[in-house]
Protein backbone atom coordinates (compact mmCIF):
# COMPACT_ATOMS: atom_id res chain seq x y z
CA UNK A 1 -37.09 2.27 52.33
CA UNK A 2 -33.84 0.51 53.08
CA UNK A 3 -35.25 -2.97 52.36
CA UNK A 4 -35.30 -2.47 48.62
CA UNK A 5 -31.53 -1.92 48.55
CA UNK A 6 -30.47 -5.13 50.30
CA UNK A 7 -29.17 -8.11 48.35
CA UNK A 8 -30.87 -10.79 50.50
CA UNK A 9 -34.10 -10.77 52.46
CA UNK A 10 -35.12 -12.78 55.51
CA UNK A 11 -37.62 -15.60 55.05
CA UNK A 12 -39.03 -17.12 58.29
CA UNK A 13 -39.00 -20.89 58.78
CA UNK A 14 -42.76 -21.04 58.50
CA UNK A 15 -42.77 -19.40 55.03
CA UNK A 16 -44.60 -21.48 52.42
CA UNK A 17 -44.56 -20.12 48.87
CA UNK A 18 -47.49 -22.38 47.95
CA UNK A 19 -49.78 -20.30 50.14
CA UNK A 20 -49.22 -17.21 47.98
CA UNK A 21 -52.31 -16.55 45.86
CA UNK A 22 -51.88 -15.64 42.22
CA UNK A 23 -53.82 -12.52 41.32
CA UNK A 24 -54.43 -11.87 37.65
CA UNK A 25 -54.68 -8.27 36.51
CA UNK A 26 -56.87 -6.94 33.76
CA UNK A 27 -56.13 -8.37 30.36
CA UNK A 28 -54.42 -5.94 28.01
CA UNK A 29 -56.53 -5.07 25.03
CA UNK A 30 -55.02 -3.45 21.95
CA UNK A 31 -51.41 -2.49 21.19
CA UNK A 32 -48.68 -2.29 23.78
CA UNK A 33 -48.25 1.18 25.31
CA UNK A 34 -45.23 2.57 27.19
CA UNK A 35 -44.44 5.90 28.80
CA UNK A 36 -41.22 7.38 27.42
CA UNK A 37 -39.36 10.69 27.40
CA UNK A 38 -38.58 12.09 23.94
CA UNK A 39 -37.88 15.27 21.99
CA UNK A 40 -39.96 16.69 19.17
CA UNK A 41 -38.49 15.29 15.91
CA UNK A 42 -39.54 18.35 13.86
CA UNK A 43 -40.94 21.85 14.36
CA UNK A 44 -44.77 21.96 14.31
CA UNK A 45 -47.75 24.19 15.02
CA UNK A 46 -50.72 23.14 17.12
CA UNK A 47 -53.99 23.20 15.10
CA UNK A 48 -56.09 23.94 18.19
CA UNK A 49 -54.40 27.03 19.67
CA UNK A 50 -51.70 27.85 17.10
CA UNK A 51 -48.78 27.29 19.52
CA UNK A 52 -45.41 26.74 17.82
CA UNK A 53 -43.40 23.78 19.08
CA UNK A 54 -39.77 23.86 18.02
CA UNK A 55 -37.63 20.85 17.18
CA UNK A 56 -35.87 19.26 20.16
CA UNK A 57 -38.40 20.23 22.85
CA UNK A 58 -38.81 17.50 25.46
CA UNK A 59 -42.12 15.78 26.22
CA UNK A 60 -43.47 12.94 28.32
CA UNK A 61 -45.24 10.78 25.76
CA UNK A 62 -46.95 7.45 25.30
CA UNK A 63 -45.28 5.05 22.92
CA UNK A 64 -47.63 2.69 21.06
CA UNK A 65 -46.47 -0.40 19.16
CA UNK A 66 -49.17 -1.40 16.65
CA UNK A 67 -48.80 -5.02 15.59
CA UNK A 68 -50.27 -4.73 12.09
CA UNK A 69 -48.26 -1.69 10.96
CA UNK A 70 -44.89 -2.59 9.46
CA UNK A 71 -42.83 -1.53 6.45
CA UNK A 72 -40.71 -4.25 4.88
CA UNK A 73 -40.52 -5.99 8.22
CA UNK A 74 -39.63 -2.79 10.14
CA UNK A 75 -41.90 -2.00 13.06
CA UNK A 76 -43.65 1.40 13.06
CA UNK A 77 -44.07 3.24 16.40
CA UNK A 78 -46.67 5.89 17.26
CA UNK A 79 -46.20 8.63 19.87
CA UNK A 80 -48.78 10.73 21.75
CA UNK A 81 -47.83 14.10 23.25
CA UNK A 82 -49.80 17.15 24.45
CA UNK A 83 -49.52 20.81 23.49
CA UNK A 84 -47.71 22.94 26.05
CA UNK A 85 -50.42 25.66 25.86
CA UNK A 86 -53.81 24.01 25.39
CA UNK A 87 -52.95 20.39 26.29
CA UNK A 88 -54.40 19.18 23.02
CA UNK A 89 -53.26 15.73 21.95
CA UNK A 90 -50.72 15.56 19.11
CA UNK A 91 -49.96 12.24 17.38
CA UNK A 92 -47.02 11.40 15.08
CA UNK A 93 -45.36 8.16 14.00
CA UNK A 94 -42.14 6.89 12.50
CA UNK A 95 -41.68 6.71 8.71
CA UNK A 96 -39.01 4.09 7.89
CA UNK A 97 -39.69 4.44 4.16
CA UNK A 98 -38.27 7.97 4.07
CA UNK A 99 -36.17 7.72 7.24
CA UNK A 100 -38.24 10.43 8.97
CA UNK A 101 -41.35 11.08 11.09
CA UNK A 102 -44.91 11.75 9.87
CA UNK A 103 -47.44 13.90 11.72
CA UNK A 104 -50.92 12.30 11.91
CA UNK A 105 -53.19 14.71 13.79
CA UNK A 106 -53.28 17.54 16.34
CA UNK A 107 -50.50 19.60 14.67
CA UNK A 108 -49.21 20.70 11.33
CA UNK A 109 -45.57 20.35 10.35
CA UNK A 110 -43.82 23.60 9.46
CA UNK A 111 -42.61 24.18 5.92
CA UNK A 112 -39.03 23.03 5.32
CA UNK A 113 -37.35 24.21 2.06
CA UNK A 114 -35.32 21.02 1.63
CA UNK A 115 -38.53 18.92 1.76
CA UNK A 116 -40.71 20.96 -0.62
CA UNK A 117 -40.00 18.66 -3.59
CA UNK A 118 -42.45 16.07 -4.76
CA UNK A 119 -42.24 12.77 -2.95
CA UNK A 120 -40.83 9.86 -4.94
CA UNK A 121 -43.25 7.09 -5.79
CA UNK A 122 -42.48 3.40 -5.63
CA UNK A 123 -42.21 3.12 -9.42
CA UNK A 124 -39.79 6.04 -9.63
CA UNK A 125 -37.76 4.56 -6.81
CA UNK A 126 -37.56 1.22 -8.64
CA UNK A 127 -36.54 2.94 -11.87
CA UNK A 128 -33.85 4.91 -10.06
CA UNK A 129 -32.49 1.76 -8.40
CA UNK A 130 -32.46 -0.09 -11.76
CA UNK A 131 -30.59 2.80 -13.39
CA UNK A 132 -28.03 2.83 -10.58
CA UNK A 133 -27.60 -0.92 -10.98
CA UNK A 134 -27.06 -0.52 -14.75
CA UNK A 135 -24.46 2.20 -14.15
CA UNK A 136 -22.72 -0.01 -11.62
CA UNK A 137 -22.69 -2.87 -14.14
CA UNK A 138 -21.24 -0.53 -16.78
CA UNK A 139 -18.40 0.38 -14.43
CA UNK A 140 -17.76 -3.29 -13.74
CA UNK A 141 -17.66 -3.99 -17.49
CA UNK A 142 -15.25 -1.10 -18.05
CA UNK A 143 -12.93 -2.40 -15.33
CA UNK A 144 -13.06 -5.89 -16.87
CA UNK A 145 -12.22 -4.47 -20.32
CA UNK A 146 -9.28 -2.56 -18.87
CA UNK A 147 -7.94 -5.71 -17.22
CA UNK A 148 -8.34 -7.66 -20.49
CA UNK A 149 -6.50 -4.95 -22.45
CA UNK A 150 -3.58 -5.04 -19.97
CA UNK A 151 -3.45 -8.83 -20.24
CA UNK A 152 -3.41 -8.68 -24.06
CA UNK A 153 -0.57 -6.11 -24.00
CA UNK A 154 1.46 -8.34 -21.68
CA UNK A 155 0.89 -11.34 -23.95
CA UNK A 156 1.92 -9.32 -27.02
CA UNK A 157 5.14 -8.19 -25.30
CA UNK A 158 5.94 -11.79 -24.34
CA UNK A 159 5.36 -12.93 -27.93
CA UNK A 160 7.67 -10.20 -29.24
CA UNK A 161 10.42 -11.31 -26.88
CA UNK A 162 9.98 -14.91 -28.00
CA UNK A 163 10.17 -13.90 -31.69
CA UNK A 164 13.35 -11.90 -31.10
CA UNK A 165 14.94 -14.81 -29.25
CA UNK A 166 13.99 -17.26 -31.99
CA UNK A 167 15.38 -14.95 -34.69
CA UNK A 168 18.64 -14.63 -32.79
CA UNK A 169 18.94 -18.40 -32.45
CA UNK A 170 18.20 -18.93 -36.16
CA UNK A 171 20.80 -16.33 -37.15
CA UNK A 172 23.36 -17.93 -34.87
CA UNK A 173 22.69 -21.33 -36.42
CA UNK A 174 22.99 -19.97 -39.98
CA UNK A 175 26.18 -17.90 -39.54
CA UNK A 176 27.80 -20.07 -36.90
CA UNK A 177 28.30 -17.09 -34.60
CA UNK A 178 25.90 -16.15 -31.86
CA UNK A 179 24.49 -12.66 -32.31
CA UNK A 180 23.45 -10.94 -29.11
CA UNK A 181 20.53 -8.54 -29.49
CA UNK A 182 19.64 -6.00 -26.84
CA UNK A 183 16.50 -6.93 -24.93
CA UNK A 184 15.48 -3.38 -24.07
CA UNK A 185 16.19 0.25 -24.83
CA UNK A 186 18.74 0.47 -22.02
CA UNK A 187 20.62 -2.53 -23.40
CA UNK A 188 20.60 -0.98 -26.87
CA UNK A 189 21.98 2.27 -25.49
CA UNK A 190 24.71 0.41 -23.57
CA UNK A 191 25.68 -1.59 -26.67
CA UNK A 192 25.82 1.57 -28.81
CA UNK A 193 28.00 3.32 -26.23
CA UNK A 194 30.32 0.33 -26.07
CA UNK A 195 30.69 0.31 -29.86
CA UNK A 196 31.50 4.02 -29.90
CA UNK A 197 34.13 3.54 -27.19
CA UNK A 198 35.75 0.70 -29.15
CA UNK A 199 35.87 2.80 -32.33
CA UNK A 200 37.35 5.77 -30.47
CA UNK A 201 40.02 3.53 -28.91
CA UNK A 202 40.92 2.05 -32.31
CA UNK A 203 41.26 5.52 -33.80
CA UNK A 204 43.44 6.66 -30.90
CA UNK A 205 45.75 3.64 -31.18
CA UNK A 206 46.00 4.06 -34.96
CA UNK A 207 46.89 7.76 -34.60
CA UNK A 208 49.59 7.02 -32.02
CA UNK A 209 51.12 4.31 -34.22
CA UNK A 210 51.16 6.62 -37.26
CA UNK A 211 52.85 9.39 -35.21
CA UNK A 212 55.58 6.95 -34.10
CA UNK A 213 56.25 5.93 -37.73
CA UNK A 214 56.48 9.55 -38.90
CA UNK A 215 58.87 10.40 -36.06
CA UNK A 216 61.21 7.57 -37.03
CA UNK A 217 61.23 8.73 -40.65
CA UNK A 218 62.02 12.34 -39.66
CA UNK A 219 64.88 11.22 -37.43
CA UNK A 220 66.34 9.14 -40.22
CA UNK A 221 66.21 12.09 -42.61
CA UNK A 222 67.83 14.58 -40.17
CA UNK A 223 70.79 12.42 -39.11
CA UNK A 224 73.57 12.92 -41.79
CA UNK A 225 76.16 10.44 -42.89
CA UNK A 226 79.76 10.62 -41.70
CA UNK A 227 81.19 11.58 -45.13
CA UNK A 228 78.88 14.58 -45.75
CA UNK A 229 80.03 18.20 -45.13
CA UNK A 230 78.65 20.03 -42.15
CA UNK A 231 76.93 23.40 -42.72
CA UNK A 232 78.78 26.57 -41.68
CA UNK A 233 78.29 27.60 -38.05
CA UNK A 234 75.95 30.41 -37.17
CA UNK A 235 77.47 33.89 -36.39
CA UNK A 236 78.00 34.84 -32.75
CA UNK A 237 77.64 38.32 -31.27
CA UNK A 238 79.66 40.05 -28.53
CA UNK A 239 78.54 42.73 -26.17
CA UNK A 240 79.61 46.37 -26.90
CA UNK A 241 81.92 48.25 -24.50
CA UNK A 242 80.09 50.14 -21.76
CA UNK A 243 79.69 53.91 -22.30
CA UNK A 244 81.21 56.18 -19.68
CA UNK A 245 78.80 58.29 -17.69
CA UNK A 246 79.04 62.08 -17.95
CA UNK A 247 80.03 64.15 -14.98
CA UNK A 248 77.11 65.22 -12.84
CA UNK A 249 76.05 68.84 -12.26
CA UNK A 250 78.35 70.98 -10.14
CA UNK A 251 77.28 72.22 -6.77
CA UNK A 252 76.83 76.03 -6.77
CA UNK A 253 79.53 77.93 -4.81
CA UNK A 254 82.12 75.16 -5.19
CA UNK A 255 84.59 75.20 -8.01
CA UNK A 256 85.92 71.92 -9.23
CA UNK A 257 89.66 71.74 -9.75
CA UNK A 258 90.57 71.28 -13.33
CA UNK A 259 92.59 68.18 -14.02
CA UNK A 260 96.07 68.43 -15.51
CA UNK A 261 96.07 67.10 -19.05
CA UNK A 262 99.54 65.59 -18.62
CA UNK A 263 98.59 63.70 -15.49
CA UNK A 264 95.34 62.62 -17.08
CA UNK A 265 97.17 61.31 -20.10
CA UNK A 266 99.57 59.48 -17.80
CA UNK A 267 96.75 57.88 -15.89
CA UNK A 268 94.74 56.82 -18.93
CA UNK A 269 95.84 53.49 -20.42
CA UNK A 270 96.60 53.10 -24.02
CA UNK A 271 93.53 52.61 -26.16
CA UNK A 272 93.39 49.47 -28.23
CA UNK A 273 92.37 49.74 -31.84
CA UNK A 274 88.66 49.27 -32.38
CA UNK A 275 87.65 45.88 -33.63
CA UNK A 276 84.54 44.72 -35.39
CA UNK A 277 81.69 43.64 -33.12
CA UNK A 278 80.96 40.63 -35.31
CA UNK A 279 83.50 37.87 -35.69
CA UNK A 280 83.24 34.65 -37.58
CA UNK A 281 84.88 31.50 -36.39
CA UNK A 282 86.10 29.41 -39.24
CA UNK A 283 87.54 25.99 -39.20
CA UNK A 284 90.95 25.22 -40.61
CA UNK A 285 89.49 22.93 -43.22
C-alpha cells in the first residue's frame, strides 16, 4: 500500500521495457460513458412505483456523451440514475436550448407553475429577437438625433456670437468709437449696474455742488454792510427774588417766645423800592 505514495520506484539493472507485452482491451463500442456523482436537477415521480424524488437528491449515475447529439455546437449529455425504491432506471438529458434539463423516460417531471406556459417555437424566438434588435436600433437612432441636436445648438450659438462681434466691429468703424457689447447675461447685468452707479454718483455730486452754491448765496444775504443800522437787541429777563419760607408747626407743650417788634425792626434791613423785572438795555445812539 505504501508503494503507490512514493515519488520514485526501484528498477533493477536487468529491467528491459521492451520485454513488456502490450495487451489490448476490448474495443469501446458506442458513446463514451463515465460514472459521476450528481444531484437531481428537478423534482420528479417514478412511473414504476410512484416514488417522489425531490430536487437536489444525490445519485451515483452514468454520464453518456452521444457524439451525434448537439445543439448549435453545444454537446448534449445524458444521465442514467435508478429509483431509490424500486431501482427502476430513470434517464434525463441536458437541454441547452432552454437552459434546463429534459426527462426522457422512467419518471415524470412534477408540475411547476412558472413553466406551465407554452414553449416558444423557433419562429417566435426569431421574431422576438428581430423586434428586440429593431428596438435597440431605435434607441441608437434616438441617441444619434440627440447628439445632432446638441451639435446644431452649439453651432447656432457660435454663429450668434460671430454676428454680434461683426455688428460691433461695423458700428465701431462707422462711428469711430468702439462699442462694447456684453457677451452674456452676467456681463449685461454688470454693465447695467455700472451705469446705475455712475448716474447715482453724478446726481450726488450735482446735489452737493448746488448745496454749496445756495449756502454761499445765503451767507452773502445775511451779512449786512457797515453803514446799515443794527436791529434792536432782544429783551433780557432777570430772576425774581426768592420767597421766604413760613415758620414750621410748633411743637406741642412748648411755647415759642414772641419776638419784640422793635428789635425785629432794628434787625431787618431797609427794603429797597421794587423795580420792574424786565429791563431794556438801550444804546446811547
